[in-house]
Amino acid sequence: MMNLNPTTSHSKRRGMTLVEILVVITIIAMLAGMLIPVIGAVRRRGEVTATVLEIQNLKAALETYKQKVGDYPPDGSNSVVFQRHVRIAFPRIAPQEMNNLLSLIIEPHEPEITYLDPAESLVFFLGGFSDDPRFPFTGKGGPLANNRNPGIFDFDPQRLGTNDDNDPFPVYYPRGSEIPFVYFDSRTYMPRAIYTYNGAGVPAAAYPLEHNHGASPVKGVARPYRSDQPRQATADDGYGYKWVNPNTFQIIAAGVTDDYGLDLDPVPLDGIPTNKTPYKHYPSGANYSDGDNSNITSFSQGTLEDDIP
C-alpha cells in the first residue's frame, strides 16, 4: 500500500541559501552588464540606419524637385540666390506675391540673407505649393496658407516643429533627435562673386545662422564639407580641395549625439581659410570634432566616423 506520509516518502525541499542567492544575483548582473551595451549599440545602429534611409529619400525628393522646376532649391543663406530661384521656379508669380514673400523672408537689418534658414528651407521647398501659379505661396494649399497641399516629400507631421510659436517655417527632425536635418545648396557653400549683394560678399552657409548662435539650443554648427580631392585654386575659391558634391547639395543630420560638431572659426568672405578657419574634409576626417564623427550625411554610408579610412 502507498505510504501517504510526506515525512517518510520524500525529503523536505531545501530552500536556496544566502550564498546561492548572491551567486545568482551576481550572474544576472554580469549578464546585464554585457547585454546593455550590446542593446544600446544595436539601438544606435538602428537609428543611424533609419536616418540614412530618410536622407536617401530626401535626396530623391530634391532631384525630383529639380526635374520639375529646373533648379535645386536654395537654402536661404543668400537672398540673391533665393530670389533668382523663385523667379525660375514660379515664372508666373504675381508681383504682389513676390513682394509679400520678400517682406516675410528678408531680414531687414541683414537683407543679404533670409529668415528661411538651411533647416527650414528643406520643408519649405519640398512641401506643397498652391495650384495658383500667380500665388504659389499664399494661395490655397500654399506654404503660407492653411491646409498645405501634399508635397514632393511626405514629411511625418509628428516630426515637424518650429523654434517658437511665431515662426511660420517648420523644420524636420530625424527619428529620436531634437536637432533637425540641414540642407546646403552648393551655390552657397561659400561666398561667390556671382551672388554678391549690392557688391558685398554674403557669409557662407551655416546652421544655425551666425547671428542666432547665442540664442540657439543647437549644439555645434553645421557647415558644408570639403573632400580630400585636390583642385586648382581660383580667384573665386582659393582653397586647394574640392567640395563634396560641388554642383548639387549636402544634407546633414547631427546623429545620435545631437551635435553638429565644433564650430571652427567662420570662413572669411573671400572663402580662403586662415590657420584658424580650416575646412573639414571627408572622408579623411581632417579637422573633425567628436560631433562631426556622429554626423550622418547625404554623401556618407552611415556616420562620418564609419567612413574614415
C-alpha atoms as a PDB file:
ATOM      1  CA  MET A   1       0.000   0.000   0.000  1.00  0.00           C
ATOM      2  CA  MET A   2       1.215   3.522  -0.877  1.00  0.00           C
ATOM      3  CA  ASN A   3       2.650   5.403   2.059  1.00  0.00           C
ATOM      4  CA  LEU A   4       0.870   8.805   2.241  1.00  0.00           C
ATOM      5  CA  ASN A   5       3.037  10.174   5.000  1.00  0.00           C
ATOM      6  CA  PRO A   6       5.100  13.017   3.404  1.00  0.00           C
ATOM      7  CA  THR A   7       7.642  12.869   6.155  1.00  0.00           C
ATOM      8  CA  THR A   8       8.541   9.349   5.237  1.00  0.00           C
ATOM      9  CA  SER A   9       8.011   9.322   1.417  1.00  0.00           C
ATOM     10  CA  HIS A  10      10.106  12.353   0.451  1.00  0.00           C
ATOM     11  CA  SER A  11      12.799  14.511   1.907  1.00  0.00           C
ATOM     12  CA  LYS A  12      11.798  18.059   2.748  1.00  0.00           C
ATOM     13  CA  ARG A  13      12.606  20.620  -0.040  1.00  0.00           C
ATOM     14  CA  ARG A  14      15.608  22.707   0.804  1.00  0.00           C
ATOM     15  CA  GLY A  15      15.463  26.487   0.080  1.00  0.00           C
ATOM     16  CA  MET A  16      18.309  28.457  -1.529  1.00  0.00           C
ATOM     17  CA  THR A  17      20.956  29.629   0.834  1.00  0.00           C
ATOM     18  CA  LEU A  18      22.008  33.268   1.023  1.00  0.00           C
ATOM     19  CA  VAL A  19      25.264  32.411  -0.746  1.00  0.00           C
ATOM     20  CA  GLU A  20      23.394  30.796  -3.633  1.00  0.00           C
ATOM     21  CA  ILE A  21      21.075  33.791  -3.969  1.00  0.00           C
ATOM     22  CA  LEU A  22      24.076  36.139  -4.091  1.00  0.00           C
ATOM     23  CA  VAL A  23      25.708  33.975  -6.774  1.00  0.00           C
ATOM     24  CA  VAL A  24      22.558  34.114  -8.931  1.00  0.00           C
ATOM     25  CA  ILE A  25      22.285  37.872  -8.489  1.00  0.00           C
ATOM     26  CA  THR A  26      25.949  38.256  -9.453  1.00  0.00           C
ATOM     27  CA  ILE A  27      25.470  36.172 -12.603  1.00  0.00           C
ATOM     28  CA  ILE A  28      22.390  38.185 -13.611  1.00  0.00           C
ATOM     29  CA  ALA A  29      24.289  41.444 -13.043  1.00  0.00           C
ATOM     30  CA  MET A  30      27.194  40.207 -15.166  1.00  0.00           C
ATOM     31  CA  LEU A  31      24.874  39.178 -17.981  1.00  0.00           C
ATOM     32  CA  ALA A  32      23.071  42.539 -17.818  1.00  0.00           C
ATOM     33  CA  GLY A  33      26.421  44.331 -17.888  1.00  0.00           C
ATOM     34  CA  MET A  34      27.317  42.506 -21.077  1.00  0.00           C
ATOM     35  CA  LEU A  35      23.920  42.841 -22.757  1.00  0.00           C
ATOM     36  CA  ILE A  36      23.095  46.500 -22.033  1.00  0.00           C
ATOM     37  CA  PRO A  37      25.983  47.901 -24.152  1.00  0.00           C
ATOM     38  CA  VAL A  38      25.086  45.473 -26.948  1.00  0.00           C
ATOM     39  CA  ILE A  39      21.441  46.501 -26.852  1.00  0.00           C
ATOM     40  CA  GLY A  40      22.461  50.172 -26.820  1.00  0.00           C
ATOM     41  CA  ALA A  41      24.767  49.671 -29.802  1.00  0.00           C
ATOM     42  CA  VAL A  42      22.032  47.869 -31.730  1.00  0.00           C
ATOM     43  CA  ARG A  43      19.576  50.661 -30.958  1.00  0.00           C
ATOM     44  CA  ARG A  44      22.050  53.337 -32.080  1.00  0.00           C
ATOM     45  CA  ARG A  45      22.813  51.440 -35.271  1.00  0.00           C
ATOM     46  CA  GLY A  46      19.084  51.186 -35.947  1.00  0.00           C
ATOM     47  CA  GLU A  47      18.721  54.953 -35.532  1.00  0.00           C
ATOM     48  CA  VAL A  48      21.644  55.554 -37.901  1.00  0.00           C
ATOM     49  CA  THR A  49      20.170  53.205 -40.499  1.00  0.00           C
ATOM     50  CA  ALA A  50      16.757  54.882 -40.266  1.00  0.00           C
ATOM     51  CA  THR A  51      18.349  58.321 -40.725  1.00  0.00           C
ATOM     52  CA  VAL A  52      20.436  57.132 -43.689  1.00  0.00           C
ATOM     53  CA  LEU A  53      17.318  55.799 -45.409  1.00  0.00           C
ATOM     54  CA  GLU A  54      15.407  59.010 -44.780  1.00  0.00           C
ATOM     55  CA  ILE A  55      18.260  61.107 -46.154  1.00  0.00           C
ATOM     56  CA  GLN A  56      18.230  58.934 -49.287  1.00  0.00           C
ATOM     57  CA  ASN A  57      14.521  59.692 -49.666  1.00  0.00           C
ATOM     58  CA  LEU A  58      15.169  63.417 -49.172  1.00  0.00           C
ATOM     59  CA  LYS A  59      17.881  63.252 -51.862  1.00  0.00           C
ATOM     60  CA  ALA A  60      15.450  61.635 -54.270  1.00  0.00           C
ATOM     61  CA  ALA A  61      12.865  64.320 -53.496  1.00  0.00           C
ATOM     62  CA  LEU A  62      15.386  67.099 -54.188  1.00  0.00           C
ATOM     63  CA  GLU A  63      16.253  65.523 -57.544  1.00  0.00           C
ATOM     64  CA  THR A  64      12.542  65.288 -58.372  1.00  0.00           C
ATOM     65  CA  TYR A  65      12.146  68.944 -57.429  1.00  0.00           C
ATOM     66  CA  LYS A  66      14.995  69.911 -59.787  1.00  0.00           C
ATOM     67  CA  GLN A  67      13.486  67.926 -62.632  1.00  0.00           C
ATOM     68  CA  LYS A  68      10.165  69.661 -62.041  1.00  0.00           C
ATOM     69  CA  VAL A  69      11.317  73.299 -61.790  1.00  0.00           C
ATOM     70  CA  GLY A  70      14.776  73.176 -63.384  1.00  0.00           C
ATOM     71  CA  ASP A  71      16.744  74.205 -60.300  1.00  0.00           C
ATOM     72  CA  TYR A  72      17.679  72.905 -56.862  1.00  0.00           C
ATOM     73  CA  PRO A  73      16.010  74.828 -54.045  1.00  0.00           C
ATOM     74  CA  PRO A  74      18.080  77.477 -52.234  1.00  0.00           C
ATOM     75  CA  ASP A  75      18.990  77.038 -48.571  1.00  0.00           C
ATOM     76  CA  GLY A  76      18.144  80.580 -47.516  1.00  0.00           C
ATOM     77  CA  SER A  77      21.757  81.630 -46.906  1.00  0.00           C
ATOM     78  CA  ASN A  78      21.755  84.160 -49.749  1.00  0.00           C
ATOM     79  CA  SER A  79      18.799  86.377 -50.693  1.00  0.00           C
ATOM     80  CA  VAL A  80      20.108  86.844 -54.253  1.00  0.00           C
ATOM     81  CA  VAL A  81      20.084  83.080 -54.851  1.00  0.00           C
ATOM     82  CA  PHE A  82      16.664  82.838 -53.211  1.00  0.00           C
ATOM     83  CA  GLN A  83      15.042  85.485 -55.398  1.00  0.00           C
ATOM     84  CA  ARG A  84      16.565  84.095 -58.590  1.00  0.00           C
ATOM     85  CA  HIS A  85      15.255  80.657 -57.748  1.00  0.00           C
ATOM     86  CA  VAL A  86      11.701  81.826 -57.036  1.00  0.00           C
ATOM     87  CA  ARG A  87      11.555  83.534 -60.428  1.00  0.00           C
ATOM     88  CA  ILE A  88      12.820  80.353 -62.147  1.00  0.00           C
ATOM     89  CA  ALA A  89      10.508  78.006 -60.264  1.00  0.00           C
ATOM     90  CA  PHE A  90       7.420  80.245 -60.471  1.00  0.00           C
ATOM     91  CA  PRO A  91       7.752  82.307 -63.674  1.00  0.00           C
ATOM     92  CA  ARG A  92       4.127  83.489 -63.490  1.00  0.00           C
ATOM     93  CA  ILE A  93       4.332  84.693 -59.886  1.00  0.00           C
ATOM     94  CA  ALA A  94       2.383  87.925 -59.306  1.00  0.00           C
ATOM     95  CA  PRO A  95       4.446  90.999 -58.295  1.00  0.00           C
ATOM     96  CA  GLN A  96       2.270  91.319 -55.190  1.00  0.00           C
ATOM     97  CA  GLU A  97       3.034  87.715 -54.210  1.00  0.00           C
ATOM     98  CA  MET A  98       6.763  88.258 -54.669  1.00  0.00           C
ATOM     99  CA  ASN A  99       6.694  91.439 -52.604  1.00  0.00           C
ATOM    100  CA  ASN A 100       4.681  89.778 -49.844  1.00  0.00           C
ATOM    101  CA  LEU A 101       7.104  86.858 -49.769  1.00  0.00           C
ATOM    102  CA  LEU A 102      10.165  89.091 -49.600  1.00  0.00           C
ATOM    103  CA  SER A 103       8.642  91.182 -46.817  1.00  0.00           C
ATOM    104  CA  LEU A 104       8.274  87.989 -44.808  1.00  0.00           C
ATOM    105  CA  ILE A 105      11.578  86.375 -45.813  1.00  0.00           C
ATOM    106  CA  ILE A 106      14.158  89.174 -45.940  1.00  0.00           C
ATOM    107  CA  GLU A 107      15.981  90.156 -42.750  1.00  0.00           C
ATOM    108  CA  PRO A 108      15.613  93.984 -42.525  1.00  0.00           C
ATOM    109  CA  HIS A 109      18.980  94.520 -40.837  1.00  0.00           C
ATOM    110  CA  GLU A 110      20.784  91.925 -42.980  1.00  0.00           C
ATOM    111  CA  PRO A 111      18.972  91.931 -46.340  1.00  0.00           C
ATOM    112  CA  GLU A 112      21.636  89.769 -47.943  1.00  0.00           C
ATOM    113  CA  ILE A 113      20.263  86.719 -46.105  1.00  0.00           C
ATOM    114  CA  THR A 114      16.755  85.437 -45.453  1.00  0.00           C
ATOM    115  CA  TYR A 115      14.778  84.372 -42.397  1.00  0.00           C
ATOM    116  CA  LEU A 116      14.453  80.970 -44.047  1.00  0.00           C
ATOM    117  CA  ASP A 117      17.447  79.042 -42.703  1.00  0.00           C
ATOM    118  CA  PRO A 118      19.070  75.849 -44.118  1.00  0.00           C
ATOM    119  CA  ALA A 119      16.883  73.607 -41.943  1.00  0.00           C
ATOM    120  CA  GLU A 120      13.592  75.371 -42.719  1.00  0.00           C
ATOM    121  CA  SER A 121      14.252  75.571 -46.475  1.00  0.00           C
ATOM    122  CA  LEU A 122      14.103  71.779 -46.788  1.00  0.00           C
ATOM    123  CA  VAL A 123      10.488  71.730 -45.572  1.00  0.00           C
ATOM    124  CA  PHE A 124       9.521  74.960 -47.333  1.00  0.00           C
ATOM    125  CA  PHE A 125      10.505  73.793 -50.817  1.00  0.00           C
ATOM    126  CA  LEU A 126       9.742  70.070 -50.602  1.00  0.00           C
ATOM    127  CA  GLY A 127       6.291  70.670 -49.137  1.00  0.00           C
ATOM    128  CA  GLY A 128       3.308  71.522 -51.328  1.00  0.00           C
ATOM    129  CA  PHE A 129       2.574  74.780 -53.148  1.00  0.00           C
ATOM    130  CA  SER A 130      -0.679  76.330 -54.255  1.00  0.00           C
ATOM    131  CA  ASP A 131      -2.057  75.298 -57.629  1.00  0.00           C
ATOM    132  CA  ASP A 132      -2.440  79.007 -58.399  1.00  0.00           C
ATOM    133  CA  PRO A 133       0.708  79.858 -60.449  1.00  0.00           C
ATOM    134  CA  ARG A 134       0.399  83.553 -59.569  1.00  0.00           C
ATOM    135  CA  PHE A 135       0.120  82.944 -55.829  1.00  0.00           C
ATOM    136  CA  PRO A 136       2.090  79.742 -55.146  1.00  0.00           C
ATOM    137  CA  PHE A 137       2.871  80.642 -51.528  1.00  0.00           C
ATOM    138  CA  THR A 138      -0.208  82.408 -50.153  1.00  0.00           C
ATOM    139  CA  GLY A 139      -2.795  80.820 -52.448  1.00  0.00           C
ATOM    140  CA  LYS A 140      -4.967  77.908 -51.323  1.00  0.00           C
ATOM    141  CA  GLY A 141      -2.732  74.977 -50.391  1.00  0.00           C
ATOM    142  CA  GLY A 142       0.457  77.064 -50.307  1.00  0.00           C
ATOM    143  CA  PRO A 143       3.074  77.029 -47.516  1.00  0.00           C
ATOM    144  CA  LEU A 144       1.863  80.366 -46.155  1.00  0.00           C
ATOM    145  CA  ALA A 145      -1.800  79.357 -46.213  1.00  0.00           C
ATOM    146  CA  ASN A 146      -3.839  76.861 -44.218  1.00  0.00           C
ATOM    147  CA  ASN A 147      -4.096  73.191 -45.246  1.00  0.00           C
ATOM    148  CA  ARG A 148      -0.932  72.986 -47.310  1.00  0.00           C
ATOM    149  CA  ASN A 149      -1.092  70.752 -50.396  1.00  0.00           C
ATOM    150  CA  PRO A 150       0.870  67.472 -50.389  1.00  0.00           C
ATOM    151  CA  GLY A 151       4.446  67.999 -51.482  1.00  0.00           C
ATOM    152  CA  ILE A 152       7.231  66.086 -53.175  1.00  0.00           C
ATOM    153  CA  PHE A 153       8.327  64.605 -49.841  1.00  0.00           C
ATOM    154  CA  ASP A 154       5.925  63.068 -47.350  1.00  0.00           C
ATOM    155  CA  PHE A 155       7.001  64.709 -44.089  1.00  0.00           C
ATOM    156  CA  ASP A 156       5.926  62.956 -40.909  1.00  0.00           C
ATOM    157  CA  PRO A 157       3.800  65.641 -39.181  1.00  0.00           C
ATOM    158  CA  GLN A 158       4.873  64.300 -35.768  1.00  0.00           C
ATOM    159  CA  ARG A 159       8.463  65.288 -36.555  1.00  0.00           C
ATOM    160  CA  LEU A 160       7.828  68.783 -37.856  1.00  0.00           C
ATOM    161  CA  GLY A 161       8.430  71.652 -35.438  1.00  0.00           C
ATOM    162  CA  THR A 162       9.406  75.295 -35.064  1.00  0.00           C
ATOM    163  CA  ASN A 163      11.660  77.199 -32.701  1.00  0.00           C
ATOM    164  CA  ASP A 164       8.795  79.319 -31.418  1.00  0.00           C
ATOM    165  CA  ASP A 165       5.068  79.805 -31.900  1.00  0.00           C
ATOM    166  CA  ASN A 166       5.548  82.849 -34.148  1.00  0.00           C
ATOM    167  CA  ASP A 167       7.835  81.082 -36.611  1.00  0.00           C
ATOM    168  CA  PRO A 168       5.906  80.209 -39.813  1.00  0.00           C
ATOM    169  CA  PHE A 169       8.683  77.976 -41.131  1.00  0.00           C
ATOM    170  CA  PRO A 170       8.951  74.447 -39.681  1.00  0.00           C
ATOM    171  CA  VAL A 171      11.997  72.187 -39.602  1.00  0.00           C
ATOM    172  CA  TYR A 172      12.130  68.386 -39.841  1.00  0.00           C
ATOM    173  CA  TYR A 173      13.696  66.132 -37.203  1.00  0.00           C
ATOM    174  CA  PRO A 174      15.223  62.671 -37.646  1.00  0.00           C
ATOM    175  CA  ARG A 175      13.597  59.953 -35.537  1.00  0.00           C
ATOM    176  CA  GLY A 176      14.665  60.237 -31.904  1.00  0.00           C
ATOM    177  CA  SER A 177      16.517  63.519 -32.453  1.00  0.00           C
ATOM    178  CA  GLU A 178      15.869  67.065 -31.272  1.00  0.00           C
ATOM    179  CA  ILE A 179      18.191  68.567 -33.918  1.00  0.00           C
ATOM    180  CA  PRO A 180      16.803  68.998 -37.453  1.00  0.00           C
ATOM    181  CA  PHE A 181      18.040  67.910 -40.860  1.00  0.00           C
ATOM    182  CA  VAL A 182      20.037  70.655 -42.581  1.00  0.00           C
ATOM    183  CA  TYR A 183      20.230  71.271 -46.335  1.00  0.00           C
ATOM    184  CA  PHE A 184      23.059  73.183 -48.051  1.00  0.00           C
ATOM    185  CA  ASP A 185      22.755  74.365 -51.661  1.00  0.00           C
ATOM    186  CA  SER A 186      26.116  74.198 -53.497  1.00  0.00           C
ATOM    187  CA  ARG A 187      25.785  77.829 -54.636  1.00  0.00           C
ATOM    188  CA  THR A 188      26.158  78.980 -51.045  1.00  0.00           C
ATOM    189  CA  TYR A 189      28.783  76.571 -49.697  1.00  0.00           C
ATOM    190  CA  MET A 190      30.984  79.666 -49.695  1.00  0.00           C
ATOM    191  CA  PRO A 191      30.759  83.330 -50.750  1.00  0.00           C
ATOM    192  CA  ARG A 192      30.758  83.660 -54.563  1.00  0.00           C
ATOM    193  CA  ALA A 193      31.265  86.764 -56.678  1.00  0.00           C
ATOM    194  CA  ILE A 194      28.214  85.953 -58.811  1.00  0.00           C
ATOM    195  CA  TYR A 195      25.951  86.001 -55.770  1.00  0.00           C
ATOM    196  CA  THR A 196      27.082  89.178 -54.024  1.00  0.00           C
ATOM    197  CA  TYR A 197      24.527  91.542 -52.530  1.00  0.00           C
ATOM    198  CA  ASN A 198      24.954  95.195 -53.571  1.00  0.00           C
ATOM    199  CA  GLY A 199      28.574  94.404 -54.367  1.00  0.00           C
ATOM    200  CA  ALA A 200      29.326  92.914 -50.950  1.00  0.00           C
ATOM    201  CA  GLY A 201      30.053  89.269 -50.162  1.00  0.00           C
ATOM    202  CA  VAL A 202      27.447  87.169 -48.352  1.00  0.00           C
ATOM    203  CA  PRO A 203      28.537  84.868 -45.491  1.00  0.00           C
ATOM    204  CA  ALA A 204      28.936  81.182 -46.238  1.00  0.00           C
ATOM    205  CA  ALA A 205      26.093  78.799 -45.460  1.00  0.00           C
ATOM    206  CA  ALA A 206      25.858  77.578 -41.864  1.00  0.00           C
ATOM    207  CA  TYR A 207      23.291  76.320 -39.384  1.00  0.00           C
ATOM    208  CA  PRO A 208      22.339  77.829 -37.059  1.00  0.00           C
ATOM    209  CA  LEU A 209      22.883  81.241 -38.649  1.00  0.00           C
ATOM    210  CA  GLU A 210      25.757  83.137 -37.091  1.00  0.00           C
ATOM    211  CA  HIS A 211      23.608  85.971 -35.754  1.00  0.00           C
ATOM    212  CA  ASN A 212      21.468  83.378 -33.930  1.00  0.00           C
ATOM    213  CA  HIS A 213      24.282  81.353 -32.368  1.00  0.00           C
ATOM    214  CA  GLY A 214      23.942  82.904 -28.935  1.00  0.00           C
ATOM    215  CA  ALA A 215      20.249  82.076 -28.537  1.00  0.00           C
ATOM    216  CA  SER A 216      20.205  78.737 -30.337  1.00  0.00           C
ATOM    217  CA  PRO A 217      19.782  75.486 -28.363  1.00  0.00           C
ATOM    218  CA  VAL A 218      21.564  73.602 -31.163  1.00  0.00           C
ATOM    219  CA  LYS A 219      24.876  72.042 -30.154  1.00  0.00           C
ATOM    220  CA  GLY A 220      27.682  72.772 -32.593  1.00  0.00           C
ATOM    221  CA  VAL A 221      27.407  74.309 -36.047  1.00  0.00           C
ATOM    222  CA  ALA A 222      26.790  72.555 -39.352  1.00  0.00           C
ATOM    223  CA  ARG A 223      28.794  73.713 -42.372  1.00  0.00           C
ATOM    224  CA  PRO A 224      29.386  72.147 -45.788  1.00  0.00           C
ATOM    225  CA  TYR A 225      32.264  69.658 -46.030  1.00  0.00           C
ATOM    226  CA  ARG A 226      35.241  69.674 -48.372  1.00  0.00           C
ATOM    227  CA  SER A 227      36.501  66.495 -49.980  1.00  0.00           C
ATOM    228  CA  ASP A 228      40.068  65.143 -49.988  1.00  0.00           C
ATOM    229  CA  GLN A 229      40.378  65.636 -53.751  1.00  0.00           C
ATOM    230  CA  PRO A 230      42.840  68.394 -54.671  1.00  0.00           C
ATOM    231  CA  ARG A 231      41.855  71.136 -57.091  1.00  0.00           C
ATOM    232  CA  GLN A 232      43.412  74.150 -58.760  1.00  0.00           C
ATOM    233  CA  ALA A 233      42.803  77.279 -56.710  1.00  0.00           C
ATOM    234  CA  THR A 234      40.845  80.038 -58.466  1.00  0.00           C
ATOM    235  CA  ALA A 235      40.104  83.686 -57.807  1.00  0.00           C
ATOM    236  CA  ASP A 236      36.628  82.722 -56.600  1.00  0.00           C
ATOM    237  CA  ASP A 237      37.815  79.823 -54.441  1.00  0.00           C
ATOM    238  CA  GLY A 238      41.394  79.941 -53.218  1.00  0.00           C
ATOM    239  CA  TYR A 239      41.234  76.635 -51.334  1.00  0.00           C
ATOM    240  CA  GLY A 240      43.062  73.684 -52.856  1.00  0.00           C
ATOM    241  CA  TYR A 241      40.440  70.982 -52.300  1.00  0.00           C
ATOM    242  CA  LYS A 242      37.101  70.289 -53.956  1.00  0.00           C
ATOM    243  CA  TRP A 243      33.785  70.465 -52.172  1.00  0.00           C
ATOM    244  CA  VAL A 244      31.830  67.315 -51.512  1.00  0.00           C
ATOM    245  CA  ASN A 245      29.005  67.352 -54.106  1.00  0.00           C
ATOM    246  CA  PRO A 246      30.313  70.587 -55.659  1.00  0.00           C
ATOM    247  CA  ASN A 247      27.368  71.111 -58.017  1.00  0.00           C
ATOM    248  CA  THR A 248      24.418  69.752 -56.080  1.00  0.00           C
ATOM    249  CA  PHE A 249      23.813  69.813 -52.326  1.00  0.00           C
ATOM    250  CA  GLN A 250      24.655  68.358 -48.938  1.00  0.00           C
ATOM    251  CA  ILE A 251      22.173  67.120 -46.316  1.00  0.00           C
ATOM    252  CA  ILE A 252      23.436  66.744 -42.755  1.00  0.00           C
ATOM    253  CA  ALA A 253      21.886  65.184 -39.649  1.00  0.00           C
ATOM    254  CA  ALA A 254      23.511  65.630 -36.254  1.00  0.00           C
ATOM    255  CA  GLY A 255      23.361  61.894 -35.477  1.00  0.00           C
ATOM    256  CA  VAL A 256      22.786  60.088 -32.200  1.00  0.00           C
ATOM    257  CA  THR A 257      24.808  62.656 -30.219  1.00  0.00           C
ATOM    258  CA  ASP A 258      22.610  65.550 -31.419  1.00  0.00           C
ATOM    259  CA  ASP A 259      25.815  67.511 -32.074  1.00  0.00           C
ATOM    260  CA  TYR A 260      26.748  69.059 -35.426  1.00  0.00           C
ATOM    261  CA  GLY A 261      30.371  69.364 -34.387  1.00  0.00           C
ATOM    262  CA  LEU A 262      32.804  72.001 -33.172  1.00  0.00           C
ATOM    263  CA  ASP A 263      32.316  75.398 -34.802  1.00  0.00           C
ATOM    264  CA  LEU A 264      35.646  76.218 -36.352  1.00  0.00           C
ATOM    265  CA  ASP A 265      36.006  79.950 -36.865  1.00  0.00           C
ATOM    266  CA  PRO A 266      33.768  81.189 -39.709  1.00  0.00           C
ATOM    267  CA  VAL A 267      35.335  81.127 -43.169  1.00  0.00           C
ATOM    268  CA  PRO A 268      36.191  84.660 -44.372  1.00  0.00           C
ATOM    269  CA  LEU A 269      34.091  86.262 -47.097  1.00  0.00           C
ATOM    270  CA  ASP A 270      36.878  85.653 -49.634  1.00  0.00           C
ATOM    271  CA  GLY A 271      36.427  81.927 -48.988  1.00  0.00           C
ATOM    272  CA  ILE A 272      40.101  81.398 -48.170  1.00  0.00           C
ATOM    273  CA  PRO A 273      40.543  79.911 -44.686  1.00  0.00           C
ATOM    274  CA  THR A 274      43.303  81.086 -42.386  1.00  0.00           C
ATOM    275  CA  ASN A 275      45.097  78.839 -39.909  1.00  0.00           C
ATOM    276  CA  LYS A 276      42.144  79.403 -37.581  1.00  0.00           C
ATOM    277  CA  THR A 277      39.477  78.641 -40.196  1.00  0.00           C
ATOM    278  CA  PRO A 278      40.179  75.198 -41.665  1.00  0.00           C
ATOM    279  CA  TYR A 279      37.565  73.298 -43.580  1.00  0.00           C
ATOM    280  CA  LYS A 280      36.537  69.800 -42.533  1.00  0.00           C
ATOM    281  CA  HIS A 281      37.488  67.087 -45.021  1.00  0.00           C
ATOM    282  CA  TYR A 282      35.520  63.963 -45.954  1.00  0.00           C
ATOM    283  CA  PRO A 283      36.304  61.076 -45.825  1.00  0.00           C
ATOM    284  CA  SER A 284      39.727  61.509 -44.207  1.00  0.00           C
ATOM    285  CA  GLY A 285      38.216  63.128 -41.112  1.00  0.00           C
ATOM    286  CA  ALA A 286      40.670  66.036 -41.149  1.00  0.00           C
ATOM    287  CA  ASN A 287      39.595  68.725 -38.664  1.00  0.00           C
ATOM    288  CA  TYR A 288      36.645  66.674 -37.371  1.00  0.00           C
ATOM    289  CA  SER A 289      35.477  67.045 -33.795  1.00  0.00           C
ATOM    290  CA  ASP A 290      33.555  64.427 -31.812  1.00  0.00           C
ATOM    291  CA  GLY A 291      30.300  65.923 -33.040  1.00  0.00           C
ATOM    292  CA  ASP A 292      31.326  65.611 -36.674  1.00  0.00           C
ATOM    293  CA  ASN A 293      32.105  61.929 -36.187  1.00  0.00           C
ATOM    294  CA  SER A 294      28.459  61.159 -35.437  1.00  0.00           C
ATOM    295  CA  ASN A 295      27.022  63.255 -38.284  1.00  0.00           C
ATOM    296  CA  ILE A 296      25.046  61.385 -40.940  1.00  0.00           C
ATOM    297  CA  THR A 297      25.055  62.926 -44.401  1.00  0.00           C
ATOM    298  CA  SER A 298      23.842  62.591 -47.966  1.00  0.00           C
ATOM    299  CA  PHE A 299      27.343  61.575 -49.047  1.00  0.00           C
ATOM    300  CA  SER A 300      28.285  59.090 -46.273  1.00  0.00           C
ATOM    301  CA  GLN A 301      27.391  55.419 -45.946  1.00  0.00           C
ATOM    302  CA  GLY A 302      26.465  55.864 -42.289  1.00  0.00           C
ATOM    303  CA  THR A 303      28.077  58.213 -39.782  1.00  0.00           C
ATOM    304  CA  LEU A 304      31.098  60.178 -40.959  1.00  0.00           C
ATOM    305  CA  GLU A 305      33.182  58.228 -38.462  1.00  0.00           C
ATOM    306  CA  ASP A 306      32.185  54.988 -40.206  1.00  0.00           C
ATOM    307  CA  ASP A 307      33.736  56.201 -43.464  1.00  0.00           C
ATOM    308  CA  ILE A 308      37.105  57.384 -42.151  1.00  0.00           C
ATOM    309  CA  PRO A 309      39.758  55.253 -43.927  1.00  0.00           C
END
